[in-house]
PDB file of N, CA and C in Angstrom:
ATOM      1  N   MET A   1      61.958  12.893 -47.473  1.00  0.00           N
ATOM      2  CA  MET A   1      61.653  11.473 -47.538  1.00  0.00           C
ATOM      3  C   MET A   1      60.934  11.157 -48.854  1.00  0.00           C
ATOM      4  N   SER A   2      61.694  11.014 -49.883  1.00  0.00           N
ATOM      5  CA  SER A   2      61.089  10.768 -51.184  1.00  0.00           C
ATOM      6  C   SER A   2      61.262   9.328 -51.659  1.00  0.00           C
ATOM      7  N   HIS A   3      61.936   8.505 -50.884  1.00  0.00           N
ATOM      8  CA  HIS A   3      62.117   7.113 -51.293  1.00  0.00           C
ATOM      9  C   HIS A   3      60.753   6.427 -51.347  1.00  0.00           C
ATOM     10  N   PRO A   4      60.489   5.618 -52.371  1.00  0.00           N
ATOM     11  CA  PRO A   4      59.178   4.965 -52.516  1.00  0.00           C
ATOM     12  C   PRO A   4      58.748   4.122 -51.322  1.00  0.00           C
ATOM     13  N   ARG A   5      59.692   3.590 -50.552  1.00  0.00           N
ATOM     14  CA  ARG A   5      59.312   2.742 -49.419  1.00  0.00           C
ATOM     15  C   ARG A   5      58.513   3.512 -48.373  1.00  0.00           C
ATOM     16  N   HIS A   6      58.691   4.823 -48.333  1.00  0.00           N
ATOM     17  CA  HIS A   6      57.952   5.627 -47.357  1.00  0.00           C
ATOM     18  C   HIS A   6      56.462   5.671 -47.681  1.00  0.00           C
ATOM     19  N   GLY A   7      56.102   5.356 -48.900  1.00  0.00           N
ATOM     20  CA  GLY A   7      54.700   5.352 -49.298  1.00  0.00           C
ATOM     21  C   GLY A   7      54.023   4.003 -49.184  1.00  0.00           C
ATOM     22  N   LEU A   8      54.779   2.971 -48.788  1.00  0.00           N
ATOM     23  CA  LEU A   8      54.192   1.635 -48.663  1.00  0.00           C
ATOM     24  C   LEU A   8      53.196   1.588 -47.506  1.00  0.00           C
ATOM     25  N   ASP A   9      52.111   0.910 -47.728  1.00  0.00           N
ATOM     26  CA  ASP A   9      51.095   0.700 -46.692  1.00  0.00           C
ATOM     27  C   ASP A   9      51.623  -0.369 -45.752  1.00  0.00           C
ATOM     28  N   GLU A  10      52.007   0.022 -44.540  1.00  0.00           N
ATOM     29  CA  GLU A  10      52.610  -0.919 -43.598  1.00  0.00           C
ATOM     30  C   GLU A  10      51.638  -2.008 -43.155  1.00  0.00           C
ATOM     31  N   ILE A  11      50.362  -1.737 -43.245  1.00  0.00           N
ATOM     32  CA  ILE A  11      49.373  -2.761 -42.882  1.00  0.00           C
ATOM     33  C   ILE A  11      49.416  -3.899 -43.893  1.00  0.00           C
ATOM     34  N   ILE A  12      49.519  -3.575 -45.155  1.00  0.00           N
ATOM     35  CA  ILE A  12      49.540  -4.596 -46.213  1.00  0.00           C
ATOM     36  C   ILE A  12      50.926  -5.220 -46.353  1.00  0.00           C
ATOM     37  N   HIS A  13      51.982  -4.478 -46.058  1.00  0.00           N
ATOM     38  CA  HIS A  13      53.335  -4.872 -46.409  1.00  0.00           C
ATOM     39  C   HIS A  13      53.833  -6.170 -45.761  1.00  0.00           C
ATOM     40  N   ALA A  14      53.324  -6.556 -44.612  1.00  0.00           N
ATOM     41  CA  ALA A  14      53.742  -7.810 -43.977  1.00  0.00           C
ATOM     42  C   ALA A  14      53.434  -8.979 -44.920  1.00  0.00           C
ATOM     43  N   PRO A  15      54.357  -9.918 -45.082  1.00  0.00           N
ATOM     44  CA  PRO A  15      54.175 -10.997 -46.070  1.00  0.00           C
ATOM     45  C   PRO A  15      52.855 -11.768 -45.965  1.00  0.00           C
ATOM     46  N   VAL A  16      52.430 -12.128 -44.761  1.00  0.00           N
ATOM     47  CA  VAL A  16      51.181 -12.881 -44.631  1.00  0.00           C
ATOM     48  C   VAL A  16      49.992 -12.002 -45.020  1.00  0.00           C
ATOM     49  N   ARG A  17      49.998 -10.745 -44.591  1.00  0.00           N
ATOM     50  CA  ARG A  17      48.881  -9.854 -44.932  1.00  0.00           C
ATOM     51  C   ARG A  17      48.861  -9.555 -46.422  1.00  0.00           C
ATOM     52  N   LEU A  18      50.026  -9.425 -47.027  1.00  0.00           N
ATOM     53  CA  LEU A  18      50.081  -9.224 -48.479  1.00  0.00           C
ATOM     54  C   LEU A  18      49.504 -10.442 -49.189  1.00  0.00           C
ATOM     55  N   SER A  19      49.808 -11.627 -48.717  1.00  0.00           N
ATOM     56  CA  SER A  19      49.253 -12.854 -49.309  1.00  0.00           C
ATOM     57  C   SER A  19      47.737 -12.894 -49.158  1.00  0.00           C
ATOM     58  N   ILE A  20      47.241 -12.522 -47.988  1.00  0.00           N
ATOM     59  CA  ILE A  20      45.789 -12.490 -47.756  1.00  0.00           C
ATOM     60  C   ILE A  20      45.140 -11.523 -48.740  1.00  0.00           C
ATOM     61  N   MET A  21      45.689 -10.328 -48.825  1.00  0.00           N
ATOM     62  CA  MET A  21      45.104  -9.301 -49.703  1.00  0.00           C
ATOM     63  C   MET A  21      45.125  -9.750 -51.164  1.00  0.00           C
ATOM     64  N   ALA A  22      46.210 -10.377 -51.600  1.00  0.00           N
ATOM     65  CA  ALA A  22      46.319 -10.821 -52.993  1.00  0.00           C
ATOM     66  C   ALA A  22      45.262 -11.873 -53.315  1.00  0.00           C
ATOM     67  N   ILE A  23      45.060 -12.819 -52.417  1.00  0.00           N
ATOM     68  CA  ILE A  23      44.048 -13.854 -52.661  1.00  0.00           C
ATOM     69  C   ILE A  23      42.650 -13.253 -52.644  1.00  0.00           C
ATOM     70  N   LEU A  24      42.375 -12.392 -51.677  1.00  0.00           N
ATOM     71  CA  LEU A  24      41.044 -11.785 -51.597  1.00  0.00           C
ATOM     72  C   LEU A  24      40.768 -10.860 -52.777  1.00  0.00           C
ATOM     73  N   ALA A  25      41.805 -10.233 -53.314  1.00  0.00           N
ATOM     74  CA  ALA A  25      41.626  -9.339 -54.462  1.00  0.00           C
ATOM     75  C   ALA A  25      41.192 -10.102 -55.714  1.00  0.00           C
ATOM     76  N   ALA A  26      41.501 -11.386 -55.747  1.00  0.00           N
ATOM     77  CA  ALA A  26      41.168 -12.204 -56.915  1.00  0.00           C
ATOM     78  C   ALA A  26      39.809 -12.891 -56.803  1.00  0.00           C
ATOM     79  N   ALA A  27      39.094 -12.653 -55.705  1.00  0.00           N
ATOM     80  CA  ALA A  27      37.818 -13.347 -55.481  1.00  0.00           C
ATOM     81  C   ALA A  27      36.824 -12.411 -54.800  1.00  0.00           C
ATOM     82  N   ASP A  28      35.555 -12.767 -54.897  1.00  0.00           N
ATOM     83  CA  ASP A  28      34.541 -12.007 -54.167  1.00  0.00           C
ATOM     84  C   ASP A  28      34.582 -12.344 -52.687  1.00  0.00           C
ATOM     85  N   THR A  29      34.603 -13.630 -52.388  1.00  0.00           N
ATOM     86  CA  THR A  29      34.591 -14.134 -51.015  1.00  0.00           C
ATOM     87  C   THR A  29      35.451 -15.390 -50.950  1.00  0.00           C
ATOM     88  N   VAL A  30      36.177 -15.535 -49.838  1.00  0.00           N
ATOM     89  CA  VAL A  30      37.039 -16.700 -49.648  1.00  0.00           C
ATOM     90  C   VAL A  30      36.767 -17.277 -48.266  1.00  0.00           C
ATOM     91  N   GLU A  31      36.705 -18.579 -48.176  1.00  0.00           N
ATOM     92  CA  GLU A  31      36.485 -19.247 -46.896  1.00  0.00           C
ATOM     93  C   GLU A  31      37.809 -19.337 -46.137  1.00  0.00           C
ATOM     94  N   PHE A  32      37.756 -19.172 -44.839  1.00  0.00           N
ATOM     95  CA  PHE A  32      38.936 -19.144 -43.971  1.00  0.00           C
ATOM     96  C   PHE A  32      39.847 -20.349 -44.215  1.00  0.00           C
ATOM     97  N   ARG A  33      39.290 -21.533 -44.233  1.00  0.00           N
ATOM     98  CA  ARG A  33      40.085 -22.760 -44.377  1.00  0.00           C
ATOM     99  C   ARG A  33      40.849 -22.757 -45.706  1.00  0.00           C
ATOM    100  N   PHE A  34      40.198 -22.335 -46.783  1.00  0.00           N
ATOM    101  CA  PHE A  34      40.857 -22.251 -48.085  1.00  0.00           C
ATOM    102  C   PHE A  34      42.044 -21.287 -48.011  1.00  0.00           C
ATOM    103  N   LEU A  35      41.805 -20.119 -47.413  1.00  0.00           N
ATOM    104  CA  LEU A  35      42.854 -19.117 -47.289  1.00  0.00           C
ATOM    105  C   LEU A  35      44.030 -19.653 -46.470  1.00  0.00           C
ATOM    106  N   LYS A  36      43.729 -20.318 -45.379  1.00  0.00           N
ATOM    107  CA  LYS A  36      44.757 -20.908 -44.512  1.00  0.00           C
ATOM    108  C   LYS A  36      45.604 -21.918 -45.288  1.00  0.00           C
ATOM    109  N   ASP A  37      44.946 -22.778 -46.046  1.00  0.00           N
ATOM    110  CA  ASP A  37      45.661 -23.792 -46.817  1.00  0.00           C
ATOM    111  C   ASP A  37      46.510 -23.168 -47.932  1.00  0.00           C
ATOM    112  N   GLU A  38      45.993 -22.149 -48.585  1.00  0.00           N
ATOM    113  CA  GLU A  38      46.728 -21.504 -49.678  1.00  0.00           C
ATOM    114  C   GLU A  38      47.961 -20.761 -49.173  1.00  0.00           C
ATOM    115  N   ILE A  39      47.822 -20.098 -48.034  1.00  0.00           N
ATOM    116  CA  ILE A  39      48.927 -19.301 -47.496  1.00  0.00           C
ATOM    117  C   ILE A  39      49.887 -20.157 -46.672  1.00  0.00           C
ATOM    118  N   GLU A  40      49.417 -21.316 -46.241  1.00  0.00           N
ATOM    119  CA  GLU A  40      50.233 -22.268 -45.471  1.00  0.00           C
ATOM    120  C   GLU A  40      50.675 -21.679 -44.131  1.00  0.00           C
ATOM    121  N   VAL A  41      49.674 -21.233 -43.348  1.00  0.00           N
ATOM    122  CA  VAL A  41      49.916 -20.726 -42.002  1.00  0.00           C
ATOM    123  C   VAL A  41      48.936 -21.393 -41.043  1.00  0.00           C
ATOM    124  N   SER A  42      49.199 -21.230 -39.754  1.00  0.00           N
ATOM    125  CA  SER A  42      48.306 -21.795 -38.741  1.00  0.00           C
ATOM    126  C   SER A  42      47.036 -20.956 -38.613  1.00  0.00           C
ATOM    127  N   ASP A  43      46.015 -21.564 -38.022  1.00  0.00           N
ATOM    128  CA  ASP A  43      44.762 -20.845 -37.765  1.00  0.00           C
ATOM    129  C   ASP A  43      45.021 -19.576 -36.959  1.00  0.00           C
ATOM    130  N   SER A  44      45.823 -19.702 -35.901  1.00  0.00           N
ATOM    131  CA  SER A  44      46.038 -18.561 -35.016  1.00  0.00           C
ATOM    132  C   SER A  44      46.802 -17.434 -35.708  1.00  0.00           C
ATOM    133  N   LEU A  45      47.806 -17.762 -36.514  1.00  0.00           N
ATOM    134  CA  LEU A  45      48.543 -16.724 -37.227  1.00  0.00           C
ATOM    135  C   LEU A  45      47.655 -16.033 -38.246  1.00  0.00           C
ATOM    136  N   LEU A  46      46.872 -16.809 -38.984  1.00  0.00           N
ATOM    137  CA  LEU A  46      45.966 -16.219 -39.962  1.00  0.00           C
ATOM    138  C   LEU A  46      44.946 -15.323 -39.263  1.00  0.00           C
ATOM    139  N   SER A  47      44.389 -15.779 -38.163  1.00  0.00           N
ATOM    140  CA  SER A  47      43.406 -14.980 -37.413  1.00  0.00           C
ATOM    141  C   SER A  47      43.997 -13.656 -36.963  1.00  0.00           C
ATOM    142  N   LYS A  48      45.227 -13.690 -36.480  1.00  0.00           N
ATOM    143  CA  LYS A  48      45.894 -12.472 -36.019  1.00  0.00           C
ATOM    144  C   LYS A  48      46.026 -11.460 -37.149  1.00  0.00           C
ATOM    145  N   HIS A  49      46.448 -11.906 -38.312  1.00  0.00           N
ATOM    146  CA  HIS A  49      46.621 -10.996 -39.446  1.00  0.00           C
ATOM    147  C   HIS A  49      45.274 -10.515 -39.990  1.00  0.00           C
ATOM    148  N   ILE A  50      44.288 -11.368 -39.970  1.00  0.00           N
ATOM    149  CA  ILE A  50      42.953 -10.955 -40.405  1.00  0.00           C
ATOM    150  C   ILE A  50      42.412  -9.866 -39.477  1.00  0.00           C
ATOM    151  N   GLN A  51      42.636 -10.009 -38.181  1.00  0.00           N
ATOM    152  CA  GLN A  51      42.188  -8.984 -37.227  1.00  0.00           C
ATOM    153  C   GLN A  51      42.816  -7.632 -37.536  1.00  0.00           C
ATOM    154  N   THR A  52      44.090  -7.633 -37.882  1.00  0.00           N
ATOM    155  CA  THR A  52      44.769  -6.381 -38.235  1.00  0.00           C
ATOM    156  C   THR A  52      44.140  -5.756 -39.472  1.00  0.00           C
ATOM    157  N   LEU A  53      43.882  -6.569 -40.487  1.00  0.00           N
ATOM    158  CA  LEU A  53      43.276  -6.068 -41.722  1.00  0.00           C
ATOM    159  C   LEU A  53      41.833  -5.618 -41.499  1.00  0.00           C
ATOM    160  N   GLU A  54      41.115  -6.336 -40.655  1.00  0.00           N
ATOM    161  CA  GLU A  54      39.729  -5.972 -40.348  1.00  0.00           C
ATOM    162  C   GLU A  54      39.694  -4.644 -39.580  1.00  0.00           C
ATOM    163  N   LYS A  55      40.581  -4.492 -38.616  1.00  0.00           N
ATOM    164  CA  LYS A  55      40.649  -3.261 -37.819  1.00  0.00           C
ATOM    165  C   LYS A  55      40.964  -2.053 -38.714  1.00  0.00           C
ATOM    166  N   ALA A  56      41.779  -2.263 -39.746  1.00  0.00           N
ATOM    167  CA  ALA A  56      42.125  -1.192 -40.682  1.00  0.00           C
ATOM    168  C   ALA A  56      40.991  -0.889 -41.656  1.00  0.00           C
ATOM    169  N   GLY A  57      39.960  -1.741 -41.661  1.00  0.00           N
ATOM    170  CA  GLY A  57      38.840  -1.541 -42.572  1.00  0.00           C
ATOM    171  C   GLY A  57      39.064  -2.129 -43.950  1.00  0.00           C
ATOM    172  N   TYR A  58      40.070  -2.993 -44.096  1.00  0.00           N
ATOM    173  CA  TYR A  58      40.415  -3.568 -45.392  1.00  0.00           C
ATOM    174  C   TYR A  58      39.686  -4.876 -45.679  1.00  0.00           C
ATOM    175  N   VAL A  59      39.300  -5.593 -44.640  1.00  0.00           N
ATOM    176  CA  VAL A  59      38.697  -6.918 -44.810  1.00  0.00           C
ATOM    177  C   VAL A  59      37.388  -6.994 -44.032  1.00  0.00           C
ATOM    178  N   LEU A  60      36.403  -7.615 -44.649  1.00  0.00           N
ATOM    179  CA  LEU A  60      35.121  -7.897 -44.016  1.00  0.00           C
ATOM    180  C   LEU A  60      35.106  -9.367 -43.627  1.00  0.00           C
ATOM    181  N   VAL A  61      34.750  -9.648 -42.383  1.00  0.00           N
ATOM    182  CA  VAL A  61      34.696 -11.016 -41.877  1.00  0.00           C
ATOM    183  C   VAL A  61      33.238 -11.351 -41.579  1.00  0.00           C
ATOM    184  N   VAL A  62      32.752 -12.454 -42.145  1.00  0.00           N
ATOM    185  CA  VAL A  62      31.380 -12.910 -41.909  1.00  0.00           C
ATOM    186  C   VAL A  62      31.447 -14.325 -41.350  1.00  0.00           C
ATOM    187  N   LYS A  63      30.828 -14.509 -40.177  1.00  0.00           N
ATOM    188  CA  LYS A  63      30.814 -15.829 -39.534  1.00  0.00           C
ATOM    189  C   LYS A  63      29.379 -16.334 -39.490  1.00  0.00           C
ATOM    190  N   ALA A  64      29.229 -17.624 -39.754  1.00  0.00           N
ATOM    191  CA  ALA A  64      27.909 -18.246 -39.728  1.00  0.00           C
ATOM    192  C   ALA A  64      28.091 -19.752 -39.539  1.00  0.00           C
ATOM    193  N   PHE A  65      26.990 -20.430 -39.322  1.00  0.00           N
ATOM    194  CA  PHE A  65      27.018 -21.883 -39.223  1.00  0.00           C
ATOM    195  C   PHE A  65      26.483 -22.482 -40.516  1.00  0.00           C
ATOM    196  N   VAL A  66      27.145 -23.522 -40.973  1.00  0.00           N
ATOM    197  CA  VAL A  66      26.662 -24.340 -42.081  1.00  0.00           C
ATOM    198  C   VAL A  66      26.391 -25.694 -41.457  1.00  0.00           C
ATOM    199  N   GLY A  67      25.104 -25.992 -41.304  1.00  0.00           N
ATOM    200  CA  GLY A  67      24.749 -27.158 -40.508  1.00  0.00           C
ATOM    201  C   GLY A  67      25.145 -26.863 -39.078  1.00  0.00           C
ATOM    202  N   LYS A  68      25.962 -27.712 -38.508  1.00  0.00           N
ATOM    203  CA  LYS A  68      26.427 -27.503 -37.141  1.00  0.00           C
ATOM    204  C   LYS A  68      27.863 -26.982 -37.081  1.00  0.00           C
ATOM    205  N   ARG A  69      28.431 -26.693 -38.246  1.00  0.00           N
ATOM    206  CA  ARG A  69      29.832 -26.278 -38.288  1.00  0.00           C
ATOM    207  C   ARG A  69      29.962 -24.769 -38.490  1.00  0.00           C
ATOM    208  N   PRO A  70      30.810 -24.135 -37.679  1.00  0.00           N
ATOM    209  CA  PRO A  70      31.059 -22.705 -37.880  1.00  0.00           C
ATOM    210  C   PRO A  70      31.933 -22.491 -39.118  1.00  0.00           C
ATOM    211  N   LYS A  71      31.609 -21.481 -39.872  1.00  0.00           N
ATOM    212  CA  LYS A  71      32.381 -21.128 -41.068  1.00  0.00           C
ATOM    213  C   LYS A  71      32.666 -19.630 -41.024  1.00  0.00           C
ATOM    214  N   THR A  72      33.785 -19.253 -41.593  1.00  0.00           N
ATOM    215  CA  THR A  72      34.164 -17.848 -41.687  1.00  0.00           C
ATOM    216  C   THR A  72      34.506 -17.540 -43.132  1.00  0.00           C
ATOM    217  N   TRP A  73      33.895 -16.470 -43.642  1.00  0.00           N
ATOM    218  CA  TRP A  73      34.163 -16.013 -45.000  1.00  0.00           C
ATOM    219  C   TRP A  73      34.783 -14.627 -44.941  1.00  0.00           C
ATOM    220  N   LEU A  74      35.685 -14.373 -45.860  1.00  0.00           N
ATOM    221  CA  LEU A  74      36.415 -13.116 -45.893  1.00  0.00           C
ATOM    222  C   LEU A  74      36.289 -12.483 -47.270  1.00  0.00           C
ATOM    223  N   SER A  75      36.249 -11.170 -47.268  1.00  0.00           N
ATOM    224  CA  SER A  75      36.246 -10.438 -48.529  1.00  0.00           C
ATOM    225  C   SER A  75      36.883  -9.075 -48.303  1.00  0.00           C
ATOM    226  N   LEU A  76      37.354  -8.471 -49.384  1.00  0.00           N
ATOM    227  CA  LEU A  76      37.911  -7.129 -49.283  1.00  0.00           C
ATOM    228  C   LEU A  76      36.778  -6.118 -49.246  1.00  0.00           C
ATOM    229  N   THR A  77      36.944  -5.096 -48.439  1.00  0.00           N
ATOM    230  CA  THR A  77      36.037  -3.962 -48.488  1.00  0.00           C
ATOM    231  C   THR A  77      36.454  -3.102 -49.682  1.00  0.00           C
ATOM    232  N   ASP A  78      35.654  -2.112 -50.016  1.00  0.00           N
ATOM    233  CA  ASP A  78      36.042  -1.195 -51.089  1.00  0.00           C
ATOM    234  C   ASP A  78      37.349  -0.493 -50.728  1.00  0.00           C
ATOM    235  N   GLU A  79      37.473  -0.102 -49.465  1.00  0.00           N
ATOM    236  CA  GLU A  79      38.706   0.544 -49.010  1.00  0.00           C
ATOM    237  C   GLU A  79      39.896  -0.408 -49.123  1.00  0.00           C
ATOM    238  N   GLY A  80      39.686  -1.668 -48.774  1.00  0.00           N
ATOM    239  CA  GLY A  80      40.743  -2.661 -48.880  1.00  0.00           C
ATOM    240  C   GLY A  80      41.174  -2.891 -50.312  1.00  0.00           C
ATOM    241  N   ARG A  81      40.201  -2.948 -51.205  1.00  0.00           N
ATOM    242  CA  ARG A  81      40.516  -3.143 -52.630  1.00  0.00           C
ATOM    243  C   ARG A  81      41.311  -1.949 -53.155  1.00  0.00           C
ATOM    244  N   ASP A  82      40.880  -0.731 -52.785  1.00  0.00           N
ATOM    245  CA  ASP A  82      41.601   0.476 -53.205  1.00  0.00           C
ATOM    246  C   ASP A  82      43.021   0.487 -52.638  1.00  0.00           C
ATOM    247  N   ALA A  83      43.158   0.122 -51.360  1.00  0.00           N
ATOM    248  CA  ALA A  83      44.478   0.101 -50.716  1.00  0.00           C
ATOM    249  C   ALA A  83      45.396  -0.907 -51.395  1.00  0.00           C
ATOM    250  N   PHE A  84      44.861  -2.078 -51.738  1.00  0.00           N
ATOM    251  CA  PHE A  84      45.675  -3.106 -52.384  1.00  0.00           C
ATOM    252  C   PHE A  84      46.096  -2.650 -53.785  1.00  0.00           C
ATOM    253  N   GLN A  85      45.170  -2.066 -54.520  1.00  0.00           N
ATOM    254  CA  GLN A  85      45.516  -1.574 -55.860  1.00  0.00           C
ATOM    255  C   GLN A  85      46.580  -0.484 -55.783  1.00  0.00           C
ATOM    256  N   SER A  86      46.458   0.403 -54.815  1.00  0.00           N
ATOM    257  CA  SER A  86      47.466   1.448 -54.622  1.00  0.00           C
ATOM    258  C   SER A  86      48.816   0.844 -54.259  1.00  0.00           C
ATOM    259  N   TYR A  87      48.787  -0.135 -53.369  1.00  0.00           N
ATOM    260  CA  TYR A  87      50.006  -0.808 -52.945  1.00  0.00           C
ATOM    261  C   TYR A  87      50.702  -1.444 -54.149  1.00  0.00           C
ATOM    262  N   MET A  88      49.943  -2.158 -54.972  1.00  0.00           N
ATOM    263  CA  MET A  88      50.517  -2.837 -56.117  1.00  0.00           C
ATOM    264  C   MET A  88      51.037  -1.848 -57.160  1.00  0.00           C
ATOM    265  N   ALA A  89      50.413  -0.676 -57.239  1.00  0.00           N
ATOM    266  CA  ALA A  89      50.849   0.348 -58.192  1.00  0.00           C
ATOM    267  C   ALA A  89      52.025   1.154 -57.646  1.00  0.00           C
ATOM    268  N   GLY A  90      52.314   0.983 -56.350  1.00  0.00           N
ATOM    269  CA  GLY A  90      53.418   1.717 -55.743  1.00  0.00           C
ATOM    270  C   GLY A  90      53.077   3.159 -55.422  1.00  0.00           C
ATOM    271  N   THR A  91      51.784   3.423 -55.285  1.00  0.00           N
ATOM    272  CA  THR A  91      51.355   4.771 -54.939  1.00  0.00           C
ATOM    273  C   THR A  91      50.737   4.773 -53.554  1.00  0.00           C
ATOM    274  N   PRO A  92      50.880   5.857 -52.817  1.00  0.00           N
ATOM    275  CA  PRO A  92      50.292   5.906 -51.468  1.00  0.00           C
ATOM    276  C   PRO A  92      48.768   5.827 -51.527  1.00  0.00           C
ATOM    277  N   HIS A  93      48.192   5.121 -50.577  1.00  0.00           N
ATOM    278  CA  HIS A  93      46.734   5.001 -50.447  1.00  0.00           C
ATOM    279  C   HIS A  93      46.225   6.240 -49.745  1.00  0.00           C
ATOM    280  N   THR A  94      45.210   6.849 -50.318  1.00  0.00           N
ATOM    281  CA  THR A  94      44.646   8.057 -49.691  1.00  0.00           C
ATOM    282  C   THR A  94      43.304   7.800 -49.078  1.00  0.00           C
TER     283      THR A  94
END
């Protein structure tokens, strides 16, 4: 199995998750609503993909209140940043 596709990170490879990772890689922290608007997906779909990335250890999710409104901020972990860089370089993430 030497074809390059065998080395792709299946967690990142899904189009929505790849979009999430690309946006987060370009910023320190991104607010959920901004990410949702940029990727053009529903709250529930974005939440589902974020849970997958968080479970893999690629994304850090921070929830807090600003005034009386709940806010969610997202950022890549060091592992997530390394995985995304490996993915973009076409090399397996170790």
